[in-house]
Amino acid sequence: MLNPFPLFYLSEFTPTMLRLLVGLSLLYVAYTQINRRKEISETGFPFIGRPDQTLVIIVGLIVGIDALALILGYGTQVAAMVGILISLKHAVFAKKYPRAIPLCRLEYVYLIVILCTLVITGAGLLGMDAPNL
């Protein structure tokens, strides 16, 4: 079948665009969690109870570091696996703790699917991962 838009030479940009999308989304999550640290520290969570504001900042920094790794393409597959765990946790608790988790459940499901794709495909262009052997 004839392709009306023969842009196959740009196919390497697909993982790069996905990395940027997920990275910016997780950066927003980290920013929101750090800004709402007082509210989050007053909320009781299972297993940890009421977290200290320092713990909320540490968790926000972990999400932010993961987001920056995805944006820069550094260790993309490992960062994607960490992002899957973060997104899975947020998807499970999104309805119960809406102030602590800024995105809705479906958005986290989308992020999980995109991150699974990045685990399989790698970093794409402008990534600093080791080449496939």
C-alpha atoms as a PDB file:
ATOM      1  CA  MET A   1       0.000   0.000   0.000  1.00  0.00           C
ATOM      2  CA  LEU A   2       1.239   3.443  -0.876  1.00  0.00           C
ATOM      3  CA  ASN A   3       2.085   5.560   2.131  1.00  0.00           C
ATOM      4  CA  PRO A   4       0.849   9.146   1.702  1.00  0.00           C
ATOM      5  CA  PHE A   5       3.412  10.431   4.224  1.00  0.00           C
ATOM      6  CA  PRO A   6       6.722   8.585   3.681  1.00  0.00           C
ATOM      7  CA  LEU A   7       8.464   9.743   6.838  1.00  0.00           C
ATOM      8  CA  PHE A   8      10.185   6.492   7.779  1.00  0.00           C
ATOM      9  CA  TYR A   9      13.480   8.296   8.208  1.00  0.00           C
ATOM     10  CA  LEU A  10      11.969  10.061  11.230  1.00  0.00           C
ATOM     11  CA  SER A  11      11.015   6.831  13.005  1.00  0.00           C
ATOM     12  CA  GLU A  12      13.967   7.158  15.395  1.00  0.00           C
ATOM     13  CA  PHE A  13      12.344  10.267  16.867  1.00  0.00           C
ATOM     14  CA  THR A  14       9.361   8.286  18.161  1.00  0.00           C
ATOM     15  CA  PRO A  15      11.015   6.992  21.361  1.00  0.00           C
ATOM     16  CA  THR A  16      12.523  10.436  21.872  1.00  0.00           C
ATOM     17  CA  MET A  17       9.106  12.096  21.748  1.00  0.00           C
ATOM     18  CA  LEU A  18       7.697   9.453  24.097  1.00  0.00           C
ATOM     19  CA  ARG A  19      10.576  10.017  26.526  1.00  0.00           C
ATOM     20  CA  LEU A  20       9.930  13.754  26.516  1.00  0.00           C
ATOM     21  CA  LEU A  21       6.193  13.293  27.060  1.00  0.00           C
ATOM     22  CA  VAL A  22       6.596  10.935  30.009  1.00  0.00           C
ATOM     23  CA  GLY A  23       9.495  12.919  31.445  1.00  0.00           C
ATOM     24  CA  LEU A  24       7.564  16.171  31.415  1.00  0.00           C
ATOM     25  CA  SER A  25       4.523  14.447  32.930  1.00  0.00           C
ATOM     26  CA  LEU A  26       6.588  12.980  35.765  1.00  0.00           C
ATOM     27  CA  LEU A  27       8.329  16.318  36.269  1.00  0.00           C
ATOM     28  CA  TYR A  28       4.899  17.893  36.752  1.00  0.00           C
ATOM     29  CA  VAL A  29       4.020  15.176  39.281  1.00  0.00           C
ATOM     30  CA  ALA A  30       7.251  15.825  41.208  1.00  0.00           C
ATOM     31  CA  TYR A  31       6.722  19.594  41.152  1.00  0.00           C
ATOM     32  CA  THR A  32       3.143  19.239  42.389  1.00  0.00           C
ATOM     33  CA  GLN A  33       4.098  16.848  45.164  1.00  0.00           C
ATOM     34  CA  ILE A  34       6.878  19.110  46.423  1.00  0.00           C
ATOM     35  CA  ASN A  35       4.584  22.149  46.331  1.00  0.00           C
ATOM     36  CA  ARG A  36       1.836  20.291  48.232  1.00  0.00           C
ATOM     37  CA  ARG A  37       4.205  18.776  50.794  1.00  0.00           C
ATOM     38  CA  LYS A  38       2.402  20.312  53.764  1.00  0.00           C
ATOM     39  CA  GLU A  39      -0.961  18.889  52.679  1.00  0.00           C
ATOM     40  CA  ILE A  40       0.557  15.521  51.846  1.00  0.00           C
ATOM     41  CA  SER A  41       2.352  15.312  55.198  1.00  0.00           C
ATOM     42  CA  GLU A  42      -0.989  15.794  56.972  1.00  0.00           C
ATOM     43  CA  THR A  43      -2.553  12.854  55.108  1.00  0.00           C
ATOM     44  CA  GLY A  44      -2.376   9.342  56.521  1.00  0.00           C
ATOM     45  CA  PHE A  45      -1.116   6.658  54.131  1.00  0.00           C
ATOM     46  CA  PRO A  46      -1.118   2.876  54.497  1.00  0.00           C
ATOM     47  CA  PHE A  47       2.094   1.363  55.921  1.00  0.00           C
ATOM     48  CA  ILE A  48       3.799   4.720  56.583  1.00  0.00           C
ATOM     49  CA  GLY A  49       1.109   6.733  58.376  1.00  0.00           C
ATOM     50  CA  ARG A  50       1.655  10.473  58.204  1.00  0.00           C
ATOM     51  CA  PRO A  51       4.903  11.173  56.364  1.00  0.00           C
ATOM     52  CA  ASP A  52       7.285  13.900  57.407  1.00  0.00           C
ATOM     53  CA  GLN A  53       7.672  16.825  54.982  1.00  0.00           C
ATOM     54  CA  THR A  54      11.266  15.730  54.426  1.00  0.00           C
ATOM     55  CA  LEU A  55      10.065  12.317  53.229  1.00  0.00           C
ATOM     56  CA  VAL A  56       7.618  13.975  50.827  1.00  0.00           C
ATOM     57  CA  ILE A  57      10.453  16.091  49.407  1.00  0.00           C
ATOM     58  CA  ILE A  58      12.667  13.001  49.029  1.00  0.00           C
ATOM     59  CA  VAL A  59       9.912  11.146  47.166  1.00  0.00           C
ATOM     60  CA  GLY A  60       9.339  14.187  44.952  1.00  0.00           C
ATOM     61  CA  LEU A  61      13.061  14.369  44.205  1.00  0.00           C
ATOM     62  CA  ILE A  62      13.133  10.671  43.269  1.00  0.00           C
ATOM     63  CA  VAL A  63      10.280  11.232  40.814  1.00  0.00           C
ATOM     64  CA  GLY A  64      12.012  14.369  39.526  1.00  0.00           C
ATOM     65  CA  ILE A  65      15.355  12.592  39.018  1.00  0.00           C
ATOM     66  CA  ASP A  66      13.556   9.809  37.154  1.00  0.00           C
ATOM     67  CA  ALA A  67      11.834  12.431  34.988  1.00  0.00           C
ATOM     68  CA  LEU A  68      15.132  14.168  34.209  1.00  0.00           C
ATOM     69  CA  ALA A  69      16.747  10.838  33.314  1.00  0.00           C
ATOM     70  CA  LEU A  70      13.934  10.209  30.854  1.00  0.00           C
ATOM     71  CA  ILE A  71      14.091  13.717  29.388  1.00  0.00           C
ATOM     72  CA  LEU A  72      17.874  13.542  28.912  1.00  0.00           C
ATOM     73  CA  GLY A  73      17.791   9.939  27.743  1.00  0.00           C
ATOM     74  CA  TYR A  74      20.227   8.770  30.401  1.00  0.00           C
ATOM     75  CA  GLY A  75      19.594   5.162  31.444  1.00  0.00           C
ATOM     76  CA  THR A  76      16.238   5.214  29.699  1.00  0.00           C
ATOM     77  CA  GLN A  77      15.295   1.589  30.219  1.00  0.00           C
ATOM     78  CA  VAL A  78      16.126   1.626  33.939  1.00  0.00           C
ATOM     79  CA  ALA A  79      14.403   5.003  34.358  1.00  0.00           C
ATOM     80  CA  ALA A  80      11.381   3.608  32.493  1.00  0.00           C
ATOM     81  CA  MET A  81      11.187   0.643  34.884  1.00  0.00           C
ATOM     82  CA  VAL A  82      11.336   2.989  37.879  1.00  0.00           C
ATOM     83  CA  GLY A  83       8.689   5.143  36.192  1.00  0.00           C
ATOM     84  CA  ILE A  84       6.474   2.086  35.753  1.00  0.00           C
ATOM     85  CA  LEU A  85       6.656   1.411  39.499  1.00  0.00           C
ATOM     86  CA  ILE A  86       5.905   5.055  40.316  1.00  0.00           C
ATOM     87  CA  SER A  87       3.008   5.211  37.850  1.00  0.00           C
ATOM     88  CA  LEU A  88       1.602   1.891  39.039  1.00  0.00           C
ATOM     89  CA  LYS A  89       1.623   3.072  42.649  1.00  0.00           C
ATOM     90  CA  HIS A  90      -0.016   6.346  41.660  1.00  0.00           C
ATOM     91  CA  ALA A  91      -2.619   4.592  39.513  1.00  0.00           C
ATOM     92  CA  VAL A  92      -3.619   2.368  42.434  1.00  0.00           C
ATOM     93  CA  PHE A  93      -3.942   5.232  44.929  1.00  0.00           C
ATOM     94  CA  ALA A  94      -5.183   8.004  42.601  1.00  0.00           C
ATOM     95  CA  LYS A  95      -8.827   7.894  43.734  1.00  0.00           C
ATOM     96  CA  LYS A  96      -8.043   7.618  47.447  1.00  0.00           C
ATOM     97  CA  TYR A  97      -5.468  10.440  47.641  1.00  0.00           C
ATOM     98  CA  PRO A  98      -6.302  13.012  44.938  1.00  0.00           C
ATOM     99  CA  ARG A  99      -4.322  15.849  46.579  1.00  0.00           C
ATOM    100  CA  ALA A 100      -1.130  13.788  46.744  1.00  0.00           C
ATOM    101  CA  ILE A 101      -1.453  12.308  43.266  1.00  0.00           C
ATOM    102  CA  PRO A 102      -2.072  15.033  40.659  1.00  0.00           C
ATOM    103  CA  LEU A 103      -3.002  12.992  37.572  1.00  0.00           C
ATOM    104  CA  CYS A 104      -6.023  10.730  37.150  1.00  0.00           C
ATOM    105  CA  ARG A 105      -5.836   6.949  37.033  1.00  0.00           C
ATOM    106  CA  LEU A 106      -6.232   6.689  33.259  1.00  0.00           C
ATOM    107  CA  GLU A 107      -3.340   9.096  32.669  1.00  0.00           C
ATOM    108  CA  TYR A 108      -1.102   6.871  34.768  1.00  0.00           C
ATOM    109  CA  VAL A 109      -2.226   3.851  32.744  1.00  0.00           C
ATOM    110  CA  TYR A 110      -1.190   5.731  29.600  1.00  0.00           C
ATOM    111  CA  LEU A 111       2.175   6.509  31.181  1.00  0.00           C
ATOM    112  CA  ILE A 112       2.640   2.827  32.084  1.00  0.00           C
ATOM    113  CA  VAL A 113       1.967   1.760  28.488  1.00  0.00           C
ATOM    114  CA  ILE A 114       4.381   4.368  27.118  1.00  0.00           C
ATOM    115  CA  LEU A 115       7.035   3.396  29.664  1.00  0.00           C
ATOM    116  CA  CYS A 116       6.646  -0.291  28.744  1.00  0.00           C
ATOM    117  CA  THR A 117       7.226   0.732  25.138  1.00  0.00           C
ATOM    118  CA  LEU A 118      10.395   2.581  26.143  1.00  0.00           C
ATOM    119  CA  VAL A 119      11.676  -0.484  28.015  1.00  0.00           C
ATOM    120  CA  ILE A 120      11.307  -2.501  24.829  1.00  0.00           C
ATOM    121  CA  THR A 121      12.473   0.047  22.223  1.00  0.00           C
ATOM    122  CA  GLY A 122      15.188   1.912  24.118  1.00  0.00           C
ATOM    123  CA  ALA A 123      16.096   5.583  24.172  1.00  0.00           C
ATOM    124  CA  GLY A 124      15.790   6.608  20.529  1.00  0.00           C
ATOM    125  CA  LEU A 125      17.768   9.557  19.201  1.00  0.00           C
ATOM    126  CA  LEU A 126      19.691  11.815  21.545  1.00  0.00           C
ATOM    127  CA  GLY A 127      19.719   9.083  24.179  1.00  0.00           C
ATOM    128  CA  MET A 128      22.831   8.314  26.183  1.00  0.00           C
ATOM    129  CA  ASP A 129      22.167   4.607  26.660  1.00  0.00           C
ATOM    130  CA  ALA A 130      24.566   1.879  25.651  1.00  0.00           C
ATOM    131  CA  PRO A 131      24.005   0.743  22.058  1.00  0.00           C
ATOM    132  CA  ASN A 132      22.171  -2.518  21.442  1.00  0.00           C
ATOM    133  CA  LEU A 133      24.520  -5.395  20.805  1.00  0.00           C
END
